[in-house]
Amino acid sequence: MQHDDVIWSIINKSFCQYKSQTKTQKFCRNEYNLTGLCNRNSCPLANSQYATVREEEGICYLYMKTVERAAFPNKLWEKVKLSRNFEKAMDQIATNLLYWPGFVKQKCKQRLVKITQYLIRMRKLRLKRSKKLVPVQKKIERRERKREDRALVAARIDTHIEKELLTRLKKGPYGDIYNFSQKAFENALAGEEVEDAEEETEETMEEEEEVEEEIDKDVERELEEELEEDEDDGERVFVEDFEESDDDIEDFEDMENIPEDSEDESSEQDSEDEADSPASAKKSGKKPAAKKKKGDKRGKIEIEFETESEPRQKLKA
């Protein structure tokens, strides 16, 4: 049978490998310690009946030690897996430690609370974005920089050699037989095709611009002509008397061909008109004829024809 008081008296007064003493308090570094303090109630070595809660890879376990298993070191601790649900885990501790001392039961529940809290914090930190500190290796960076510079110089030399060979190939100083790689030839052809396509696009763009400029010039000319015509509309021009036209000559010839009866009728009408005129009215003492109404805006045109054989004739139109 294990004597707990004897073990504690030896550990407390003499040496213990798990004990760490400070100026104010003693601490225990044993992994099965329930509180982390070095005292009689929480010492896992000096108590034959002992229980604690531990966490392994995010899962909580209840460890229990009894007197019956003291003779078997490989079966000393009984391990019970606790549920991830906090309430169920508390019920498991209460059922497994039903007849145990109240101090052990209370401290196991308190330890479960602390473990669940830091597990929640761990999960939150893992989900958040965290800054990762990367060490700067100056030697490796310097070495890589030098290699990049050398590679750039070699690439420039290769491109210069390719250009020189292409110029010589175009000039043809060595004849028609050349030994060069097919890839370089294809790349050169592709570059020339691209240059030709760019030149064609530039020429088409220039032609389109010229056509657009010509269209704009034509439109401007038409607008200027229209503006000049509009300006000519408001100008005043003085012209000489109307000359005799061919129509007037034709009318005169028609008058010559008029028969005598029509001439008599026309002479009678002229005499009536002269009688109706205001001058004749004054001489005769008669009132002149009434004037036209203001509403009648139609005028009468009189055309006179003078000939050597016939007197003046008046025609009313």
C-alpha atoms as a PDB file:
ATOM      1  CA  MET A   1       0.000   0.000   0.000  1.00  0.00           C
ATOM      2  CA  GLN A   2       1.227   3.455  -0.944  1.00  0.00           C
ATOM      3  CA  HIS A   3       1.902   5.917   1.882  1.00  0.00           C
ATOM      4  CA  ASP A   4       1.153   9.403   0.494  1.00  0.00           C
ATOM      5  CA  ASP A   5       2.277  11.314   3.594  1.00  0.00           C
ATOM      6  CA  VAL A   6       5.731   9.717   3.544  1.00  0.00           C
ATOM      7  CA  ILE A   7       6.200  10.529  -0.141  1.00  0.00           C
ATOM      8  CA  TRP A   8       5.134  14.146   0.370  1.00  0.00           C
ATOM      9  CA  SER A   9       7.447  14.646   3.338  1.00  0.00           C
ATOM     10  CA  ILE A  10      10.391  13.443   1.279  1.00  0.00           C
ATOM     11  CA  ILE A  11       9.485  15.532  -1.796  1.00  0.00           C
ATOM     12  CA  ASN A  12       8.681  18.666   0.151  1.00  0.00           C
ATOM     13  CA  LYS A  13      11.770  18.778   2.375  1.00  0.00           C
ATOM     14  CA  SER A  14      14.328  17.245   0.020  1.00  0.00           C
ATOM     15  CA  PHE A  15      14.991  17.227  -3.709  1.00  0.00           C
ATOM     16  CA  CYS A  16      12.268  16.884  -6.457  1.00  0.00           C
ATOM     17  CA  GLN A  17      13.115  17.107 -10.158  1.00  0.00           C
ATOM     18  CA  TYR A  18       9.750  18.688 -11.062  1.00  0.00           C
ATOM     19  CA  LYS A  19       9.935  21.415  -8.432  1.00  0.00           C
ATOM     20  CA  SER A  20      10.922  24.960  -9.438  1.00  0.00           C
ATOM     21  CA  GLN A  21      11.186  27.492  -6.643  1.00  0.00           C
ATOM     22  CA  THR A  22      11.038  31.279  -6.933  1.00  0.00           C
ATOM     23  CA  LYS A  23      11.336  34.009  -4.288  1.00  0.00           C
ATOM     24  CA  THR A  24       7.629  33.985  -3.519  1.00  0.00           C
ATOM     25  CA  GLN A  25       6.185  30.615  -4.631  1.00  0.00           C
ATOM     26  CA  LYS A  26       6.895  27.038  -5.721  1.00  0.00           C
ATOM     27  CA  PHE A  27       5.800  25.639  -9.081  1.00  0.00           C
ATOM     28  CA  CYS A  28       5.531  22.088 -10.443  1.00  0.00           C
ATOM     29  CA  ARG A  29       6.614  21.163 -13.984  1.00  0.00           C
ATOM     30  CA  ASN A  30       5.005  17.708 -14.022  1.00  0.00           C
ATOM     31  CA  GLU A  31       2.718  17.331 -17.059  1.00  0.00           C
ATOM     32  CA  TYR A  32       0.028  15.585 -14.987  1.00  0.00           C
ATOM     33  CA  ASN A  33      -0.159  18.377 -12.402  1.00  0.00           C
ATOM     34  CA  LEU A  34      -3.690  19.740 -12.062  1.00  0.00           C
ATOM     35  CA  THR A  35      -2.952  23.350 -11.039  1.00  0.00           C
ATOM     36  CA  GLY A  36       0.777  23.823 -11.768  1.00  0.00           C
ATOM     37  CA  LEU A  37       1.528  24.576  -8.115  1.00  0.00           C
ATOM     38  CA  CYS A  38       3.726  22.549  -5.790  1.00  0.00           C
ATOM     39  CA  ASN A  39       1.497  21.744  -2.764  1.00  0.00           C
ATOM     40  CA  ARG A  40       0.037  18.710  -0.966  1.00  0.00           C
ATOM     41  CA  ASN A  41      -3.370  18.645  -2.728  1.00  0.00           C
ATOM     42  CA  SER A  42      -2.139  19.170  -6.337  1.00  0.00           C
ATOM     43  CA  CYS A  43       0.952  16.936  -6.324  1.00  0.00           C
ATOM     44  CA  PRO A  44       0.479  13.980  -8.730  1.00  0.00           C
ATOM     45  CA  LEU A  45       3.210  11.892  -7.006  1.00  0.00           C
ATOM     46  CA  ALA A  46       2.019  12.219  -3.398  1.00  0.00           C
ATOM     47  CA  ASN A  47      -1.671  11.447  -4.152  1.00  0.00           C
ATOM     48  CA  SER A  48      -2.662   7.831  -4.939  1.00  0.00           C
ATOM     49  CA  GLN A  49      -6.115   8.953  -6.186  1.00  0.00           C
ATOM     50  CA  TYR A  50      -5.606  11.767  -8.692  1.00  0.00           C
ATOM     51  CA  ALA A  51      -7.271  13.149 -11.875  1.00  0.00           C
ATOM     52  CA  THR A  52      -6.405  15.829 -14.466  1.00  0.00           C
ATOM     53  CA  VAL A  53      -7.425  17.121 -17.922  1.00  0.00           C
ATOM     54  CA  ARG A  54      -4.954  17.311 -20.813  1.00  0.00           C
ATOM     55  CA  GLU A  55      -5.149  18.445 -24.448  1.00  0.00           C
ATOM     56  CA  GLU A  56      -3.573  16.483 -27.311  1.00  0.00           C
ATOM     57  CA  GLU A  57      -3.844  17.820 -30.910  1.00  0.00           C
ATOM     58  CA  GLY A  58      -7.005  19.828 -30.167  1.00  0.00           C
ATOM     59  CA  ILE A  59      -8.797  17.027 -28.271  1.00  0.00           C
ATOM     60  CA  CYS A  60      -9.319  16.996 -24.485  1.00  0.00           C
ATOM     61  CA  TYR A  61      -8.745  13.857 -22.402  1.00  0.00           C
ATOM     62  CA  LEU A  62      -9.533  13.068 -18.768  1.00  0.00           C
ATOM     63  CA  TYR A  63      -6.691  11.204 -16.973  1.00  0.00           C
ATOM     64  CA  MET A  64      -7.492   9.295 -13.752  1.00  0.00           C
ATOM     65  CA  LYS A  65      -5.143   7.456 -11.304  1.00  0.00           C
ATOM     66  CA  THR A  66      -6.314   5.026  -8.600  1.00  0.00           C
ATOM     67  CA  VAL A  67      -4.643   2.967  -5.809  1.00  0.00           C
ATOM     68  CA  GLU A  68      -5.578  -0.371  -7.385  1.00  0.00           C
ATOM     69  CA  ARG A  69      -3.283   0.322 -10.392  1.00  0.00           C
ATOM     70  CA  ALA A  70      -0.307   1.588  -8.373  1.00  0.00           C
ATOM     71  CA  ALA A  71       1.519  -1.735  -8.826  1.00  0.00           C
ATOM     72  CA  PHE A  72       1.252  -1.524 -12.639  1.00  0.00           C
ATOM     73  CA  PRO A  73       3.144   1.508 -13.971  1.00  0.00           C
ATOM     74  CA  ASN A  74       2.110   0.821 -17.600  1.00  0.00           C
ATOM     75  CA  LYS A  75      -1.575   0.924 -16.546  1.00  0.00           C
ATOM     76  CA  LEU A  76      -1.326   3.654 -13.936  1.00  0.00           C
ATOM     77  CA  TRP A  77      -3.401   6.346 -15.752  1.00  0.00           C
ATOM     78  CA  GLU A  78      -6.877   5.780 -17.211  1.00  0.00           C
ATOM     79  CA  LYS A  79      -7.550   7.946 -20.319  1.00  0.00           C
ATOM     80  CA  VAL A  80     -11.100   9.081 -21.269  1.00  0.00           C
ATOM     81  CA  LYS A  81     -11.783  11.107 -24.429  1.00  0.00           C
ATOM     82  CA  LEU A  82     -14.012  14.126 -23.813  1.00  0.00           C
ATOM     83  CA  SER A  83     -16.571  15.456 -26.282  1.00  0.00           C
ATOM     84  CA  ARG A  84     -15.994  18.612 -28.311  1.00  0.00           C
ATOM     85  CA  ASN A  85     -19.281  19.950 -26.956  1.00  0.00           C
ATOM     86  CA  PHE A  86     -18.517  21.815 -23.759  1.00  0.00           C
ATOM     87  CA  GLU A  87     -21.687  20.784 -21.876  1.00  0.00           C
ATOM     88  CA  LYS A  88     -21.285  17.115 -22.755  1.00  0.00           C
ATOM     89  CA  ALA A  89     -17.636  17.226 -21.642  1.00  0.00           C
ATOM     90  CA  MET A  90     -18.634  18.702 -18.281  1.00  0.00           C
ATOM     91  CA  ASP A  91     -21.226  15.937 -17.822  1.00  0.00           C
ATOM     92  CA  GLN A  92     -18.572  13.302 -18.608  1.00  0.00           C
ATOM     93  CA  ILE A  93     -16.252  14.748 -15.926  1.00  0.00           C
ATOM     94  CA  ALA A  94     -19.119  14.800 -13.409  1.00  0.00           C
ATOM     95  CA  THR A  95     -20.063  11.160 -14.078  1.00  0.00           C
ATOM     96  CA  ASN A  96     -16.495   9.805 -14.055  1.00  0.00           C
ATOM     97  CA  LEU A  97     -15.543  11.739 -10.888  1.00  0.00           C
ATOM     98  CA  LEU A  98     -18.813  11.139  -9.073  1.00  0.00           C
ATOM     99  CA  TYR A  99     -17.372   9.975  -5.675  1.00  0.00           C
ATOM    100  CA  TRP A 100     -14.047  11.814  -5.910  1.00  0.00           C
ATOM    101  CA  PRO A 101     -12.985  14.734  -3.686  1.00  0.00           C
ATOM    102  CA  GLY A 102     -14.576  18.091  -4.491  1.00  0.00           C
ATOM    103  CA  PHE A 103     -11.175  19.808  -4.964  1.00  0.00           C
ATOM    104  CA  VAL A 104     -10.180  17.447  -7.812  1.00  0.00           C
ATOM    105  CA  LYS A 105     -13.601  17.650  -9.464  1.00  0.00           C
ATOM    106  CA  GLN A 106     -13.650  21.474  -9.356  1.00  0.00           C
ATOM    107  CA  LYS A 107     -10.088  21.899 -10.626  1.00  0.00           C
ATOM    108  CA  CYS A 108     -10.686  19.461 -13.528  1.00  0.00           C
ATOM    109  CA  LYS A 109     -13.716  21.469 -14.678  1.00  0.00           C
ATOM    110  CA  GLN A 110     -11.761  24.717 -14.342  1.00  0.00           C
ATOM    111  CA  ARG A 111      -8.912  23.252 -16.383  1.00  0.00           C
ATOM    112  CA  LEU A 112     -11.374  22.150 -19.094  1.00  0.00           C
ATOM    113  CA  VAL A 113     -12.720  25.725 -19.306  1.00  0.00           C
ATOM    114  CA  LYS A 114      -9.219  27.165 -19.789  1.00  0.00           C
ATOM    115  CA  ILE A 115      -8.295  24.592 -22.433  1.00  0.00           C
ATOM    116  CA  THR A 116     -11.502  25.183 -24.443  1.00  0.00           C
ATOM    117  CA  GLN A 117     -10.899  28.953 -24.345  1.00  0.00           C
ATOM    118  CA  TYR A 118      -7.371  28.769 -25.713  1.00  0.00           C
ATOM    119  CA  LEU A 119      -8.476  26.239 -28.371  1.00  0.00           C
ATOM    120  CA  ILE A 120     -11.113  28.731 -29.598  1.00  0.00           C
ATOM    121  CA  ARG A 121      -8.476  31.482 -29.755  1.00  0.00           C
ATOM    122  CA  MET A 122      -6.154  29.188 -31.712  1.00  0.00           C
ATOM    123  CA  ARG A 123      -8.855  28.430 -34.286  1.00  0.00           C
ATOM    124  CA  LYS A 124      -9.636  32.142 -34.716  1.00  0.00           C
ATOM    125  CA  LEU A 125      -5.985  33.034 -35.196  1.00  0.00           C
ATOM    126  CA  ARG A 126      -5.578  30.230 -37.698  1.00  0.00           C
ATOM    127  CA  LEU A 127      -8.523  31.514 -39.752  1.00  0.00           C
ATOM    128  CA  LYS A 128      -7.259  35.107 -39.726  1.00  0.00           C
ATOM    129  CA  ARG A 129      -4.568  36.396 -42.045  1.00  0.00           C
ATOM    130  CA  SER A 130      -1.278  36.570 -40.215  1.00  0.00           C
ATOM    131  CA  LYS A 131       1.999  38.129 -41.242  1.00  0.00           C
ATOM    132  CA  LYS A 132       4.738  35.670 -41.965  1.00  0.00           C
ATOM    133  CA  LEU A 133       8.278  36.744 -41.138  1.00  0.00           C
ATOM    134  CA  VAL A 134      10.720  35.616 -43.803  1.00  0.00           C
ATOM    135  CA  PRO A 135      14.456  35.909 -43.139  1.00  0.00           C
ATOM    136  CA  VAL A 136      16.461  37.951 -45.629  1.00  0.00           C
ATOM    137  CA  GLN A 137      19.395  36.030 -47.081  1.00  0.00           C
ATOM    138  CA  LYS A 138      21.717  38.693 -48.450  1.00  0.00           C
ATOM    139  CA  LYS A 139      24.341  36.339 -49.854  1.00  0.00           C
ATOM    140  CA  ILE A 140      21.830  34.377 -51.954  1.00  0.00           C
ATOM    141  CA  GLU A 141      20.173  37.581 -53.224  1.00  0.00           C
ATOM    142  CA  ARG A 142      23.556  39.034 -54.206  1.00  0.00           C
ATOM    143  CA  ARG A 143      24.469  35.818 -56.030  1.00  0.00           C
ATOM    144  CA  GLU A 144      21.163  35.740 -57.941  1.00  0.00           C
ATOM    145  CA  ARG A 145      21.506  39.408 -58.904  1.00  0.00           C
ATOM    146  CA  LYS A 146      24.937  38.777 -60.400  1.00  0.00           C
ATOM    147  CA  ARG A 147      23.615  35.809 -62.356  1.00  0.00           C
ATOM    148  CA  GLU A 148      20.738  37.916 -63.740  1.00  0.00           C
ATOM    149  CA  ASP A 149      23.162  40.614 -64.891  1.00  0.00           C
ATOM    150  CA  ARG A 150      25.325  38.041 -66.656  1.00  0.00           C
ATOM    151  CA  ALA A 151      22.293  36.483 -68.315  1.00  0.00           C
ATOM    152  CA  LEU A 152      21.166  39.919 -69.577  1.00  0.00           C
ATOM    153  CA  VAL A 153      24.585  40.619 -71.055  1.00  0.00           C
ATOM    154  CA  ALA A 154      24.626  37.217 -72.776  1.00  0.00           C
ATOM    155  CA  ALA A 155      21.106  37.788 -74.155  1.00  0.00           C
ATOM    156  CA  ARG A 156      22.116  41.178 -75.590  1.00  0.00           C
ATOM    157  CA  ILE A 157      25.155  39.642 -77.254  1.00  0.00           C
ATOM    158  CA  ASP A 158      23.015  36.863 -78.762  1.00  0.00           C
ATOM    159  CA  THR A 159      20.494  39.345 -80.166  1.00  0.00           C
ATOM    160  CA  HIS A 160      23.283  41.492 -81.613  1.00  0.00           C
ATOM    161  CA  ILE A 161      24.822  38.431 -83.293  1.00  0.00           C
ATOM    162  CA  GLU A 162      21.446  37.421 -84.728  1.00  0.00           C
ATOM    163  CA  LYS A 163      20.893  40.903 -86.166  1.00  0.00           C
ATOM    164  CA  GLU A 164      24.362  40.927 -87.717  1.00  0.00           C
ATOM    165  CA  LEU A 165      23.839  37.497 -89.280  1.00  0.00           C
ATOM    166  CA  LEU A 166      20.447  38.554 -90.657  1.00  0.00           C
ATOM    167  CA  THR A 167      21.938  41.659 -92.263  1.00  0.00           C
ATOM    168  CA  ARG A 168      24.653  39.567 -93.882  1.00  0.00           C
ATOM    169  CA  LEU A 169      22.069  37.024 -94.994  1.00  0.00           C
ATOM    170  CA  LYS A 170      20.093  39.799 -96.694  1.00  0.00           C
ATOM    171  CA  LYS A 171      23.167  41.207 -98.410  1.00  0.00           C
ATOM    172  CA  GLY A 172      24.342  37.740 -99.473  1.00  0.00           C
ATOM    173  CA  PRO A 173      28.132  38.134 -99.431  1.00  0.00           C
ATOM    174  CA  TYR A 174      28.829  34.406 -98.951  1.00  0.00           C
ATOM    175  CA  GLY A 175      26.684  32.962-101.706  1.00  0.00           C
ATOM    176  CA  ASP A 176      23.469  30.938-101.534  1.00  0.00           C
ATOM    177  CA  ILE A 177      24.585  28.120 -99.170  1.00  0.00           C
ATOM    178  CA  TYR A 178      24.062  28.831 -95.466  1.00  0.00           C
ATOM    179  CA  ASN A 179      24.113  26.569 -92.445  1.00  0.00           C
ATOM    180  CA  PHE A 180      21.820  28.100 -89.826  1.00  0.00           C
ATOM    181  CA  SER A 181      19.089  26.798 -87.524  1.00  0.00           C
ATOM    182  CA  GLN A 182      15.534  26.544 -88.786  1.00  0.00           C
ATOM    183  CA  LYS A 183      14.163  28.284 -85.674  1.00  0.00           C
ATOM    184  CA  ALA A 184      16.216  31.420 -86.291  1.00  0.00           C
ATOM    185  CA  PHE A 185      15.042  31.492 -89.905  1.00  0.00           C
ATOM    186  CA  GLU A 186      11.408  31.151 -88.882  1.00  0.00           C
ATOM    187  CA  ASN A 187      11.776  33.877 -86.255  1.00  0.00           C
ATOM    188  CA  ALA A 188      13.309  36.198 -88.848  1.00  0.00           C
ATOM    189  CA  LEU A 189      10.462  35.517 -91.281  1.00  0.00           C
ATOM    190  CA  ALA A 190       7.904  36.126 -88.555  1.00  0.00           C
ATOM    191  CA  GLY A 191       9.579  39.437 -87.664  1.00  0.00           C
ATOM    192  CA  GLU A 192       9.550  40.548 -91.309  1.00  0.00           C
ATOM    193  CA  GLU A 193       5.894  39.599 -91.653  1.00  0.00           C
ATOM    194  CA  VAL A 194       5.037  41.624 -88.589  1.00  0.00           C
ATOM    195  CA  GLU A 195       6.966  44.622 -89.952  1.00  0.00           C
ATOM    196  CA  ASP A 196       5.198  44.337 -93.330  1.00  0.00           C
ATOM    197  CA  ALA A 197       1.819  44.146 -91.619  1.00  0.00           C
ATOM    198  CA  GLU A 198       2.640  47.242 -89.561  1.00  0.00           C
ATOM    199  CA  GLU A 199       3.721  49.137 -92.686  1.00  0.00           C
ATOM    200  CA  GLU A 200       0.524  48.145 -94.500  1.00  0.00           C
ATOM    201  CA  THR A 201      -1.610  49.285 -91.602  1.00  0.00           C
ATOM    202  CA  GLU A 202       0.270  52.604 -91.504  1.00  0.00           C
ATOM    203  CA  GLU A 203      -0.241  53.098 -95.256  1.00  0.00           C
ATOM    204  CA  THR A 204      -3.953  52.322 -95.021  1.00  0.00           C
ATOM    205  CA  MET A 205      -4.275  54.760 -92.138  1.00  0.00           C
ATOM    206  CA  GLU A 206      -2.509  57.484 -94.136  1.00  0.00           C
ATOM    207  CA  GLU A 207      -4.762  56.871 -97.147  1.00  0.00           C
ATOM    208  CA  GLU A 208      -7.860  57.053 -95.006  1.00  0.00           C
ATOM    209  CA  GLU A 209      -6.643  60.308 -93.484  1.00  0.00           C
ATOM    210  CA  GLU A 210      -6.013  61.788 -96.956  1.00  0.00           C
ATOM    211  CA  VAL A 211      -9.503  60.771 -98.135  1.00  0.00           C
ATOM    212  CA  GLU A 212     -11.042  62.324 -95.042  1.00  0.00           C
ATOM    213  CA  GLU A 213      -9.086  65.563 -95.615  1.00  0.00           C
ATOM    214  CA  GLU A 214     -10.282  65.761 -99.232  1.00  0.00           C
ATOM    215  CA  ILE A 215     -13.890  65.209 -98.138  1.00  0.00           C
ATOM    216  CA  ASP A 216     -13.547  67.931 -95.524  1.00  0.00           C
ATOM    217  CA  LYS A 217     -12.124  70.339 -98.124  1.00  0.00           C
ATOM    218  CA  ASP A 218     -15.009  69.640-100.531  1.00  0.00           C
ATOM    219  CA  VAL A 219     -17.533  70.239 -97.791  1.00  0.00           C
ATOM    220  CA  GLU A 220     -15.837  73.526 -96.864  1.00  0.00           C
ATOM    221  CA  ARG A 221     -15.885  74.674-100.492  1.00  0.00           C
ATOM    222  CA  GLU A 222     -19.586  73.920-100.822  1.00  0.00           C
ATOM    223  CA  LEU A 223     -20.296  75.820 -97.642  1.00  0.00           C
ATOM    224  CA  GLU A 224     -18.286  78.833 -98.864  1.00  0.00           C
ATOM    225  CA  GLU A 225     -20.166  78.850-102.187  1.00  0.00           C
ATOM    226  CA  GLU A 226     -23.485  78.724-100.383  1.00  0.00           C
ATOM    227  CA  LEU A 227     -22.424  81.605 -98.162  1.00  0.00           C
ATOM    228  CA  GLU A 228     -21.359  83.670-101.207  1.00  0.00           C
ATOM    229  CA  GLU A 229     -24.734  83.041-102.852  1.00  0.00           C
ATOM    230  CA  ASP A 230     -26.492  84.141 -99.700  1.00  0.00           C
ATOM    231  CA  GLU A 231     -24.427  87.343 -99.662  1.00  0.00           C
ATOM    232  CA  ASP A 232     -25.295  88.108-103.313  1.00  0.00           C
ATOM    233  CA  ASP A 233     -29.015  87.922-102.554  1.00  0.00           C
ATOM    234  CA  GLY A 234     -28.994  91.132-100.510  1.00  0.00           C
ATOM    235  CA  GLU A 235     -26.982  93.251-103.039  1.00  0.00           C
ATOM    236  CA  ARG A 236     -28.561  95.964-105.220  1.00  0.00           C
ATOM    237  CA  VAL A 237     -27.595  96.227-108.899  1.00  0.00           C
ATOM    238  CA  PHE A 238     -28.559  99.103-111.261  1.00  0.00           C
ATOM    239  CA  VAL A 239     -29.420  98.081-114.867  1.00  0.00           C
ATOM    240  CA  GLU A 240     -30.185 100.128-118.084  1.00  0.00           C
ATOM    241  CA  ASP A 241     -33.632 100.449-119.666  1.00  0.00           C
ATOM    242  CA  PHE A 242     -35.274  97.316-120.991  1.00  0.00           C
ATOM    243  CA  GLU A 243     -34.261  96.670-124.589  1.00  0.00           C
ATOM    244  CA  GLU A 244     -36.654  95.488-127.202  1.00  0.00           C
ATOM    245  CA  SER A 245     -36.887  91.750-127.147  1.00  0.00           C
ATOM    246  CA  ASP A 246     -38.012  89.318-129.809  1.00  0.00           C
ATOM    247  CA  ASP A 247     -41.426  89.068-128.158  1.00  0.00           C
ATOM    248  CA  ASP A 248     -42.002  92.775-128.627  1.00  0.00           C
ATOM    249  CA  ILE A 249     -41.113  92.507-132.342  1.00  0.00           C
ATOM    250  CA  GLU A 250     -43.508  89.595-132.765  1.00  0.00           C
ATOM    251  CA  ASP A 251     -46.287  91.591-131.113  1.00  0.00           C
ATOM    252  CA  PHE A 252     -45.581  94.447-133.474  1.00  0.00           C
ATOM    253  CA  GLU A 253     -45.827  92.181-136.504  1.00  0.00           C
ATOM    254  CA  ASP A 254     -49.129  90.827-135.195  1.00  0.00           C
ATOM    255  CA  MET A 255     -50.419  94.351-134.905  1.00  0.00           C
ATOM    256  CA  GLU A 256     -49.628  95.022-138.544  1.00  0.00           C
ATOM    257  CA  ASN A 257     -51.616  91.991-139.537  1.00  0.00           C
ATOM    258  CA  ILE A 258     -54.736  93.105-137.616  1.00  0.00           C
ATOM    259  CA  PRO A 259     -57.751  93.715-140.017  1.00  0.00           C
ATOM    260  CA  GLU A 260     -59.416  97.115-140.489  1.00  0.00           C
ATOM    261  CA  ASP A 261     -62.545  96.230-138.532  1.00  0.00           C
ATOM    262  CA  SER A 262     -60.476  95.548-135.470  1.00  0.00           C
ATOM    263  CA  GLU A 263     -58.631  98.839-136.036  1.00  0.00           C
ATOM    264  CA  ASP A 264     -61.905 100.707-136.147  1.00  0.00           C
ATOM    265  CA  GLU A 265     -63.032  99.053-132.967  1.00  0.00           C
ATOM    266  CA  SER A 266     -59.802  99.922-131.288  1.00  0.00           C
ATOM    267  CA  SER A 267     -60.045 103.559-132.467  1.00  0.00           C
ATOM    268  CA  GLU A 268     -63.569 103.782-131.101  1.00  0.00           C
ATOM    269  CA  GLN A 269     -62.384 102.429-127.766  1.00  0.00           C
ATOM    270  CA  ASP A 270     -59.541 104.992-127.750  1.00  0.00           C
ATOM    271  CA  SER A 271     -61.953 107.793-128.388  1.00  0.00           C
ATOM    272  CA  GLU A 272     -64.173 106.575-125.533  1.00  0.00           C
ATOM    273  CA  ASP A 273     -61.184 106.451-123.274  1.00  0.00           C
ATOM    274  CA  GLU A 274     -60.159 109.948-124.208  1.00  0.00           C
ATOM    275  CA  ALA A 275     -63.670 111.117-123.522  1.00  0.00           C
ATOM    276  CA  ASP A 276     -63.561 109.444-120.100  1.00  0.00           C
ATOM    277  CA  SER A 277     -60.185 110.902-119.235  1.00  0.00           C
ATOM    278  CA  PRO A 278     -60.083 113.789-116.689  1.00  0.00           C
ATOM    279  CA  ALA A 279     -58.721 116.352-119.179  1.00  0.00           C
ATOM    280  CA  SER A 280     -61.637 115.883-121.497  1.00  0.00           C
ATOM    281  CA  ALA A 281     -63.978 115.960-118.547  1.00  0.00           C
ATOM    282  CA  LYS A 282     -62.683 119.359-117.533  1.00  0.00           C
ATOM    283  CA  LYS A 283     -63.177 120.756-120.986  1.00  0.00           C
ATOM    284  CA  SER A 284     -66.642 119.410-121.336  1.00  0.00           C
ATOM    285  CA  GLY A 285     -67.618 120.260-117.765  1.00  0.00           C
ATOM    286  CA  LYS A 286     -68.469 116.714-116.899  1.00  0.00           C
ATOM    287  CA  LYS A 287     -67.387 114.953-113.735  1.00  0.00           C
ATOM    288  CA  PRO A 288     -64.536 112.553-114.113  1.00  0.00           C
ATOM    289  CA  ALA A 289     -65.157 108.887-113.636  1.00  0.00           C
ATOM    290  CA  ALA A 290     -64.918 107.443-110.160  1.00  0.00           C
ATOM    291  CA  LYS A 291     -61.550 106.187-109.095  1.00  0.00           C
ATOM    292  CA  LYS A 292     -60.742 102.545-108.442  1.00  0.00           C
ATOM    293  CA  LYS A 293     -61.400 101.098-105.085  1.00  0.00           C
ATOM    294  CA  LYS A 294     -58.521 100.605-102.787  1.00  0.00           C
ATOM    295  CA  GLY A 295     -59.181  96.877-102.614  1.00  0.00           C
ATOM    296  CA  ASP A 296     -58.655  96.433-106.391  1.00  0.00           C
ATOM    297  CA  LYS A 297     -54.902  96.169-106.699  1.00  0.00           C
ATOM    298  CA  ARG A 298     -54.773  94.965-110.273  1.00  0.00           C
ATOM    299  CA  GLY A 299     -53.124  97.441-112.599  1.00  0.00           C
ATOM    300  CA  LYS A 300     -53.446  98.003-116.342  1.00  0.00           C
ATOM    301  CA  ILE A 301     -50.475  97.868-118.684  1.00  0.00           C
ATOM    302  CA  GLU A 302     -50.401 100.063-121.783  1.00  0.00           C
ATOM    303  CA  ILE A 303     -48.046  99.325-124.659  1.00  0.00           C
ATOM    304  CA  GLU A 304     -47.449 101.963-127.357  1.00  0.00           C
ATOM    305  CA  PHE A 305     -46.176 101.210-130.841  1.00  0.00           C
ATOM    306  CA  GLU A 306     -45.106 103.992-133.175  1.00  0.00           C
ATOM    307  CA  THR A 307     -44.904 103.519-136.947  1.00  0.00           C
ATOM    308  CA  GLU A 308     -44.382 105.897-139.831  1.00  0.00           C
ATOM    309  CA  SER A 309     -47.616 105.044-141.659  1.00  0.00           C
ATOM    310  CA  GLU A 310     -50.023 104.625-138.716  1.00  0.00           C
ATOM    311  CA  PRO A 311     -50.713 106.886-135.778  1.00  0.00           C
ATOM    312  CA  ARG A 312     -50.073 105.879-132.159  1.00  0.00           C
ATOM    313  CA  GLN A 313     -52.217 103.026-130.983  1.00  0.00           C
ATOM    314  CA  LYS A 314     -53.013 102.106-127.446  1.00  0.00           C
ATOM    315  CA  LEU A 315     -53.832  98.658-126.360  1.00  0.00           C
ATOM    316  CA  LYS A 316     -55.261  97.866-123.023  1.00  0.00           C
ATOM    317  CA  ALA A 317     -54.299  94.644-121.440  1.00  0.00           C
END
